[in-house]
Amino acid sequence: MVIFYDFNNSLHSKFGDGKCGEFLVSVIVHSIVLGNH
């Protein structure tokens, strides 16, 4: 969970898109993580 949040925060800082961008990143990251597992 910590790694996920750190990754999300770093991307969120880059995009600075707000909650919409953060949600998109969360969905993408979850898809990648679930796909790898």
Protein backbone atom coordinates (compact mmCIF):
# COMPACT_ATOMS: atom_id res chain seq x y z
CA MET A 1 0.00 0.00 0.00
CA VAL A 2 2.81 2.42 0.86
CA ILE A 3 4.59 1.81 -2.44
CA PHE A 4 1.30 2.28 -4.29
CA TYR A 5 0.66 5.60 -2.55
CA ASP A 6 4.22 6.82 -3.15
CA PHE A 7 3.97 5.91 -6.84
CA ASN A 8 0.57 7.58 -7.09
CA ASN A 9 1.80 10.72 -5.33
CA SER A 10 4.84 11.03 -7.60
CA LEU A 11 2.68 10.72 -10.72
CA HIS A 12 0.09 13.05 -9.22
CA SER A 13 2.81 15.65 -8.66
CA LYS A 14 3.92 15.35 -12.28
CA PHE A 15 0.46 15.66 -13.77
CA GLY A 16 -1.06 17.96 -11.15
CA ASP A 17 -4.38 17.10 -12.75
CA GLY A 18 -6.33 16.90 -9.53
CA LYS A 19 -8.58 14.09 -8.33
CA CYS A 20 -9.62 13.06 -11.82
CA GLY A 21 -6.01 12.39 -12.84
CA GLU A 22 -5.30 10.76 -9.50
CA PHE A 23 -8.25 8.41 -10.01
CA LEU A 24 -7.06 7.50 -13.50
CA VAL A 25 -3.56 6.77 -12.22
CA SER A 26 -5.03 4.66 -9.41
CA VAL A 27 -7.05 2.60 -11.88
CA ILE A 28 -4.03 2.13 -14.17
CA VAL A 29 -1.73 1.17 -11.30
CA HIS A 30 -4.30 -1.24 -9.88
CA SER A 31 -4.69 -2.84 -13.30
CA ILE A 32 -0.92 -3.29 -13.62
CA VAL A 33 -0.57 -4.66 -10.09
CA LEU A 34 -3.50 -7.05 -10.49
CA GLY A 35 -2.21 -8.10 -13.90
CA ASN A 36 1.25 -8.90 -12.51
CA HIS A 37 -0.24 -10.92 -9.67
